């Protein structure tokens, strides 16, 4: 608990989590397969759908996003039917957040295009 306080890890979680949510909301606006983004702190979910009109859950696409992200060094998992869970460590830096989000964005766009 002392380390959490001394290193201000809770403040960092709030700051980085807010930033991640903002960036994923931007991805949601650009993407037809990101149906929802939600979270608090560094526990974030990104729901993957077939398309925004039907909002049909897309478990195969979510699994593919998870696998490709892992292969590129970003550890995300699926949870529920078609949600990608993003839960980085409390001490994550902005630089690592940006790198991870770049990979996730690229992977989502590839899966969306069927590549």
N, C-alpha and C. Protein backbone atom coordinates (compact mmCIF):
# COMPACT_ATOMS: atom_id res chain seq x y z
N UNK A 1 0.83 -1.19 0.00
CA UNK A 1 0.00 0.00 0.00
C UNK A 1 0.87 1.25 0.00
N UNK A 2 1.99 1.20 0.72
CA UNK A 2 2.89 2.35 0.74
C UNK A 2 3.40 2.68 -0.65
N UNK A 3 3.77 1.66 -1.41
CA UNK A 3 4.28 1.89 -2.77
C UNK A 3 3.19 2.49 -3.65
N UNK A 4 1.97 2.01 -3.51
CA UNK A 4 0.85 2.56 -4.29
C UNK A 4 0.71 4.05 -4.02
N UNK A 5 0.83 4.43 -2.75
CA UNK A 5 0.72 5.84 -2.38
C UNK A 5 1.94 6.64 -2.84
N UNK A 6 3.14 6.12 -2.53
CA UNK A 6 4.37 6.83 -2.84
C UNK A 6 4.54 7.07 -4.34
N UNK A 7 4.21 6.07 -5.13
CA UNK A 7 4.40 6.18 -6.58
C UNK A 7 3.15 6.72 -7.29
N UNK A 8 2.16 7.09 -6.49
CA UNK A 8 0.92 7.70 -7.01
C UNK A 8 0.29 6.85 -8.12
N UNK A 9 0.24 5.55 -7.86
CA UNK A 9 -0.26 4.62 -8.87
C UNK A 9 -1.75 4.79 -9.15
N UNK A 10 -2.51 5.15 -8.15
CA UNK A 10 -3.95 5.36 -8.38
C UNK A 10 -4.19 6.57 -9.26
N UNK A 11 -3.42 7.63 -9.04
CA UNK A 11 -3.55 8.81 -9.89
C UNK A 11 -3.16 8.48 -11.33
N UNK A 12 -2.09 7.69 -11.47
CA UNK A 12 -1.66 7.28 -12.81
C UNK A 12 -2.74 6.43 -13.48
N UNK A 13 -3.35 5.53 -12.73
CA UNK A 13 -4.41 4.69 -13.30
C UNK A 13 -5.57 5.53 -13.80
N UNK A 14 -5.94 6.53 -13.04
CA UNK A 14 -7.04 7.42 -13.46
C UNK A 14 -6.65 8.20 -14.71
N UNK A 15 -5.45 8.76 -14.69
CA UNK A 15 -4.98 9.58 -15.82
C UNK A 15 -4.86 8.74 -17.10
N UNK A 16 -4.18 7.61 -17.01
CA UNK A 16 -3.99 6.77 -18.20
C UNK A 16 -5.30 6.14 -18.64
N UNK A 17 -6.13 5.73 -17.69
CA UNK A 17 -7.42 5.14 -18.03
C UNK A 17 -8.32 6.11 -18.78
N UNK A 18 -8.36 7.36 -18.33
CA UNK A 18 -9.15 8.38 -19.02
C UNK A 18 -8.63 8.59 -20.44
N UNK A 19 -7.33 8.61 -20.59
CA UNK A 19 -6.72 8.77 -21.90
C UNK A 19 -7.04 7.58 -22.82
N UNK A 20 -6.93 6.37 -22.29
CA UNK A 20 -7.24 5.17 -23.09
C UNK A 20 -8.69 5.20 -23.54
N UNK A 21 -9.60 5.52 -22.63
CA UNK A 21 -11.03 5.60 -23.00
C UNK A 21 -11.26 6.62 -24.10
N UNK A 22 -10.61 7.77 -24.00
CA UNK A 22 -10.76 8.81 -25.03
C UNK A 22 -10.28 8.29 -26.38
N UNK A 23 -9.12 7.67 -26.40
CA UNK A 23 -8.57 7.15 -27.66
C UNK A 23 -9.44 6.03 -28.23
N UNK A 24 -9.96 5.17 -27.37
CA UNK A 24 -10.82 4.08 -27.86
C UNK A 24 -12.17 4.61 -28.34
N UNK A 25 -12.66 5.68 -27.73
CA UNK A 25 -13.88 6.32 -28.22
C UNK A 25 -13.67 6.86 -29.63
N UNK A 26 -12.48 7.41 -29.88
CA UNK A 26 -12.14 7.88 -31.22
C UNK A 26 -12.12 6.72 -32.20
N UNK A 27 -11.56 5.59 -31.78
CA UNK A 27 -11.55 4.40 -32.63
C UNK A 27 -12.98 3.92 -32.89
N UNK A 28 -13.81 3.97 -31.88
CA UNK A 28 -15.21 3.58 -32.02
C UNK A 28 -15.91 4.41 -33.09
N UNK A 29 -15.63 5.70 -33.12
CA UNK A 29 -16.25 6.58 -34.11
C UNK A 29 -15.80 6.23 -35.53
N UNK A 30 -14.57 5.76 -35.67
CA UNK A 30 -14.02 5.42 -36.99
C UNK A 30 -14.39 4.01 -37.44
N UNK A 31 -14.64 3.13 -36.50
CA UNK A 31 -14.78 1.71 -36.80
C UNK A 31 -16.24 1.27 -36.82
N UNK A 32 -16.55 0.37 -37.72
CA UNK A 32 -17.89 -0.21 -37.80
C UNK A 32 -18.04 -1.41 -36.86
N UNK A 33 -16.91 -1.94 -36.34
CA UNK A 33 -17.02 -3.14 -35.50
C UNK A 33 -16.81 -2.87 -34.01
N UNK A 34 -16.44 -1.66 -33.64
CA UNK A 34 -16.34 -1.32 -32.21
C UNK A 34 -17.69 -0.75 -31.80
N UNK A 35 -18.45 -1.57 -31.07
CA UNK A 35 -19.81 -1.19 -30.72
C UNK A 35 -19.92 -0.35 -29.46
N UNK A 36 -19.01 -0.56 -28.51
CA UNK A 36 -19.07 0.17 -27.25
C UNK A 36 -17.70 0.15 -26.60
N UNK A 37 -17.43 1.16 -25.82
CA UNK A 37 -16.21 1.25 -25.02
C UNK A 37 -16.65 1.68 -23.63
N UNK A 38 -16.16 0.98 -22.62
CA UNK A 38 -16.54 1.33 -21.25
C UNK A 38 -15.42 0.93 -20.30
N UNK A 39 -15.43 1.55 -19.14
CA UNK A 39 -14.44 1.19 -18.16
C UNK A 39 -14.26 2.24 -17.09
N UNK A 40 -13.41 1.91 -16.15
CA UNK A 40 -13.05 2.82 -15.07
C UNK A 40 -11.61 2.53 -14.71
N UNK A 41 -10.84 3.59 -14.58
CA UNK A 41 -9.42 3.39 -14.30
C UNK A 41 -8.79 2.62 -15.43
N UNK A 42 -8.04 1.60 -15.08
CA UNK A 42 -7.36 0.80 -16.09
C UNK A 42 -8.05 -0.54 -16.37
N UNK A 43 -9.32 -0.65 -16.05
CA UNK A 43 -10.11 -1.84 -16.41
C UNK A 43 -11.09 -1.39 -17.49
N UNK A 44 -10.77 -1.71 -18.73
CA UNK A 44 -11.50 -1.17 -19.87
C UNK A 44 -11.99 -2.29 -20.76
N UNK A 45 -13.21 -2.14 -21.26
CA UNK A 45 -13.77 -3.11 -22.20
C UNK A 45 -14.12 -2.45 -23.51
N UNK A 46 -13.86 -3.17 -24.60
CA UNK A 46 -14.19 -2.70 -25.94
C UNK A 46 -15.04 -3.80 -26.59
N UNK A 47 -16.31 -3.52 -26.79
CA UNK A 47 -17.23 -4.51 -27.34
C UNK A 47 -17.10 -4.56 -28.86
N UNK A 48 -16.95 -5.76 -29.39
CA UNK A 48 -16.79 -5.96 -30.83
C UNK A 48 -18.11 -6.51 -31.39
N UNK A 49 -18.59 -5.86 -32.45
CA UNK A 49 -19.87 -6.24 -33.07
C UNK A 49 -19.65 -6.49 -34.56
N UNK A 50 -20.61 -7.17 -35.17
CA UNK A 50 -20.54 -7.39 -36.63
C UNK A 50 -20.66 -6.06 -37.37
N UNK A 51 -21.59 -5.23 -36.93
CA UNK A 51 -21.76 -3.88 -37.46
C UNK A 51 -22.58 -3.08 -36.46
N UNK A 52 -22.46 -1.78 -36.53
CA UNK A 52 -23.13 -0.93 -35.53
C UNK A 52 -24.64 -0.92 -35.68
N UNK A 53 -25.13 -1.19 -36.89
CA UNK A 53 -26.57 -1.18 -37.09
C UNK A 53 -27.24 -2.36 -36.37
N UNK A 54 -26.72 -3.55 -36.58
CA UNK A 54 -27.33 -4.73 -35.95
C UNK A 54 -26.86 -4.91 -34.51
N UNK A 55 -25.65 -4.44 -34.21
CA UNK A 55 -25.02 -4.62 -32.90
C UNK A 55 -24.90 -6.09 -32.50
N UNK A 56 -24.90 -6.97 -33.50
CA UNK A 56 -24.74 -8.41 -33.24
C UNK A 56 -23.34 -8.66 -32.72
N UNK A 57 -23.24 -9.38 -31.61
CA UNK A 57 -21.94 -9.65 -31.01
C UNK A 57 -21.08 -10.48 -31.96
N UNK A 58 -19.81 -10.15 -32.02
CA UNK A 58 -18.89 -10.78 -32.97
C UNK A 58 -17.75 -11.48 -32.24
N UNK A 59 -18.03 -12.66 -31.70
CA UNK A 59 -17.04 -13.37 -30.90
C UNK A 59 -15.82 -13.78 -31.72
N UNK A 60 -16.01 -14.18 -32.97
CA UNK A 60 -14.87 -14.59 -33.80
C UNK A 60 -13.94 -13.40 -34.07
N UNK A 61 -14.51 -12.25 -34.34
CA UNK A 61 -13.69 -11.05 -34.56
C UNK A 61 -12.97 -10.65 -33.28
N UNK A 62 -13.65 -10.74 -32.15
CA UNK A 62 -13.01 -10.41 -30.87
C UNK A 62 -11.83 -11.35 -30.61
N UNK A 63 -12.02 -12.64 -30.87
CA UNK A 63 -10.93 -13.61 -30.67
C UNK A 63 -9.76 -13.31 -31.59
N UNK A 64 -10.06 -12.95 -32.82
CA UNK A 64 -9.00 -12.63 -33.78
C UNK A 64 -8.23 -11.38 -33.35
N UNK A 65 -8.94 -10.38 -32.85
CA UNK A 65 -8.28 -9.16 -32.35
C UNK A 65 -7.37 -9.52 -31.18
N UNK A 66 -7.84 -10.37 -30.28
CA UNK A 66 -7.03 -10.79 -29.15
C UNK A 66 -5.76 -11.50 -29.63
N UNK A 67 -5.91 -12.48 -30.52
CA UNK A 67 -4.75 -13.25 -30.99
C UNK A 67 -3.72 -12.37 -31.69
N UNK A 68 -4.19 -11.50 -32.57
CA UNK A 68 -3.25 -10.64 -33.30
C UNK A 68 -2.57 -9.64 -32.36
N UNK A 69 -3.30 -9.13 -31.39
CA UNK A 69 -2.70 -8.20 -30.42
C UNK A 69 -1.60 -8.90 -29.63
N UNK A 70 -1.87 -10.13 -29.17
CA UNK A 70 -0.87 -10.90 -28.43
C UNK A 70 0.38 -11.11 -29.28
N UNK A 71 0.19 -11.46 -30.56
CA UNK A 71 1.34 -11.71 -31.44
C UNK A 71 2.20 -10.47 -31.62
N UNK A 72 1.59 -9.29 -31.43
CA UNK A 72 2.33 -8.03 -31.59
C UNK A 72 2.77 -7.44 -30.24
N UNK A 73 2.57 -8.21 -29.17
CA UNK A 73 3.09 -7.80 -27.88
C UNK A 73 2.13 -7.08 -26.95
N UNK A 74 0.84 -7.07 -27.29
CA UNK A 74 -0.14 -6.40 -26.43
C UNK A 74 -1.06 -7.47 -25.83
N UNK A 75 -1.01 -7.61 -24.52
CA UNK A 75 -1.79 -8.63 -23.82
C UNK A 75 -3.19 -8.11 -23.50
N UNK A 76 -4.15 -8.55 -24.29
CA UNK A 76 -5.56 -8.28 -24.02
C UNK A 76 -6.26 -9.64 -23.99
N UNK A 77 -7.43 -9.69 -23.39
CA UNK A 77 -8.18 -10.95 -23.36
C UNK A 77 -9.62 -10.68 -23.78
N UNK A 78 -10.28 -11.74 -24.18
CA UNK A 78 -11.71 -11.61 -24.44
C UNK A 78 -12.44 -11.95 -23.15
N UNK A 79 -13.59 -11.34 -22.98
CA UNK A 79 -14.45 -11.67 -21.85
C UNK A 79 -15.89 -11.51 -22.31
N UNK A 80 -16.79 -12.23 -21.67
CA UNK A 80 -18.15 -12.22 -22.16
C UNK A 80 -18.18 -12.83 -23.55
N UNK A 81 -19.14 -12.42 -24.34
CA UNK A 81 -19.28 -12.98 -25.69
C UNK A 81 -18.31 -12.35 -26.67
N UNK A 82 -18.20 -11.03 -26.65
CA UNK A 82 -17.38 -10.38 -27.68
C UNK A 82 -16.73 -9.09 -27.20
N UNK A 83 -16.29 -9.08 -25.97
CA UNK A 83 -15.64 -7.90 -25.42
C UNK A 83 -14.15 -8.15 -25.26
N UNK A 84 -13.37 -7.17 -25.64
CA UNK A 84 -11.92 -7.20 -25.43
C UNK A 84 -11.65 -6.46 -24.12
N UNK A 85 -10.99 -7.13 -23.20
CA UNK A 85 -10.64 -6.50 -21.93
C UNK A 85 -9.20 -6.00 -22.00
N UNK A 86 -9.05 -4.74 -21.68
CA UNK A 86 -7.75 -4.09 -21.64
C UNK A 86 -7.51 -3.70 -20.19
N UNK A 87 -6.48 -4.28 -19.58
CA UNK A 87 -6.22 -4.02 -18.16
C UNK A 87 -4.71 -3.93 -17.92
N UNK A 88 -4.09 -2.83 -18.33
CA UNK A 88 -2.64 -2.68 -18.13
C UNK A 88 -2.30 -2.48 -16.65
N UNK A 89 -1.01 -2.60 -16.32
CA UNK A 89 -0.60 -2.41 -14.93
C UNK A 89 -0.77 -0.96 -14.48
N UNK A 90 -0.87 -0.78 -13.18
CA UNK A 90 -1.08 0.55 -12.61
C UNK A 90 0.05 1.53 -12.93
N UNK A 91 1.24 1.02 -13.17
CA UNK A 91 2.39 1.90 -13.41
C UNK A 91 2.69 2.11 -14.90
N UNK A 92 1.76 1.82 -15.77
CA UNK A 92 2.00 1.97 -17.22
C UNK A 92 2.26 3.43 -17.57
N UNK A 93 3.18 3.64 -18.51
CA UNK A 93 3.53 4.99 -18.94
C UNK A 93 2.70 5.38 -20.16
N UNK A 94 2.64 6.68 -20.44
CA UNK A 94 1.93 7.17 -21.62
C UNK A 94 2.55 6.60 -22.90
N UNK A 95 3.86 6.49 -22.91
CA UNK A 95 4.55 5.95 -24.08
C UNK A 95 4.08 4.52 -24.38
N UNK A 96 4.00 3.69 -23.35
CA UNK A 96 3.53 2.31 -23.56
C UNK A 96 2.05 2.27 -23.92
N UNK A 97 1.26 3.16 -23.33
CA UNK A 97 -0.16 3.25 -23.68
C UNK A 97 -0.30 3.57 -25.16
N UNK A 98 0.44 4.57 -25.63
CA UNK A 98 0.36 4.95 -27.04
C UNK A 98 0.78 3.81 -27.96
N UNK A 99 1.84 3.10 -27.60
CA UNK A 99 2.29 1.97 -28.41
C UNK A 99 1.23 0.88 -28.47
N UNK A 100 0.66 0.55 -27.32
CA UNK A 100 -0.38 -0.48 -27.27
C UNK A 100 -1.61 -0.07 -28.06
N UNK A 101 -2.02 1.18 -27.91
CA UNK A 101 -3.21 1.65 -28.63
C UNK A 101 -2.99 1.68 -30.14
N UNK A 102 -1.78 1.97 -30.56
CA UNK A 102 -1.48 1.95 -31.99
C UNK A 102 -1.64 0.53 -32.53
N UNK A 103 -1.13 -0.44 -31.79
CA UNK A 103 -1.26 -1.84 -32.21
C UNK A 103 -2.72 -2.27 -32.21
N UNK A 104 -3.45 -1.97 -31.15
CA UNK A 104 -4.87 -2.34 -31.07
C UNK A 104 -5.65 -1.70 -32.22
N UNK A 105 -5.39 -0.44 -32.49
CA UNK A 105 -6.09 0.25 -33.58
C UNK A 105 -5.80 -0.41 -34.92
N UNK A 106 -4.53 -0.71 -35.18
CA UNK A 106 -4.16 -1.37 -36.44
C UNK A 106 -4.85 -2.73 -36.56
N UNK A 107 -4.86 -3.50 -35.49
CA UNK A 107 -5.47 -4.83 -35.51
C UNK A 107 -6.98 -4.73 -35.75
N UNK A 108 -7.65 -3.82 -35.07
CA UNK A 108 -9.10 -3.65 -35.26
C UNK A 108 -9.39 -3.31 -36.72
N UNK A 109 -8.61 -2.41 -37.29
CA UNK A 109 -8.83 -2.02 -38.70
C UNK A 109 -8.59 -3.19 -39.64
N UNK A 110 -7.57 -4.00 -39.37
CA UNK A 110 -7.30 -5.18 -40.20
C UNK A 110 -8.45 -6.18 -40.13
N UNK A 111 -8.90 -6.47 -38.93
CA UNK A 111 -10.00 -7.43 -38.75
C UNK A 111 -11.27 -6.90 -39.39
N UNK A 112 -11.50 -5.61 -39.25
CA UNK A 112 -12.68 -5.00 -39.85
C UNK A 112 -12.66 -5.15 -41.38
N UNK A 113 -11.48 -5.02 -41.97
CA UNK A 113 -11.35 -5.13 -43.43
C UNK A 113 -11.27 -6.58 -43.90
N UNK A 114 -11.20 -7.51 -42.95
CA UNK A 114 -11.11 -8.92 -43.32
C UNK A 114 -9.73 -9.34 -43.79
N UNK A 115 -8.71 -8.62 -43.38
CA UNK A 115 -7.33 -8.93 -43.80
C UNK A 115 -6.73 -10.03 -42.94
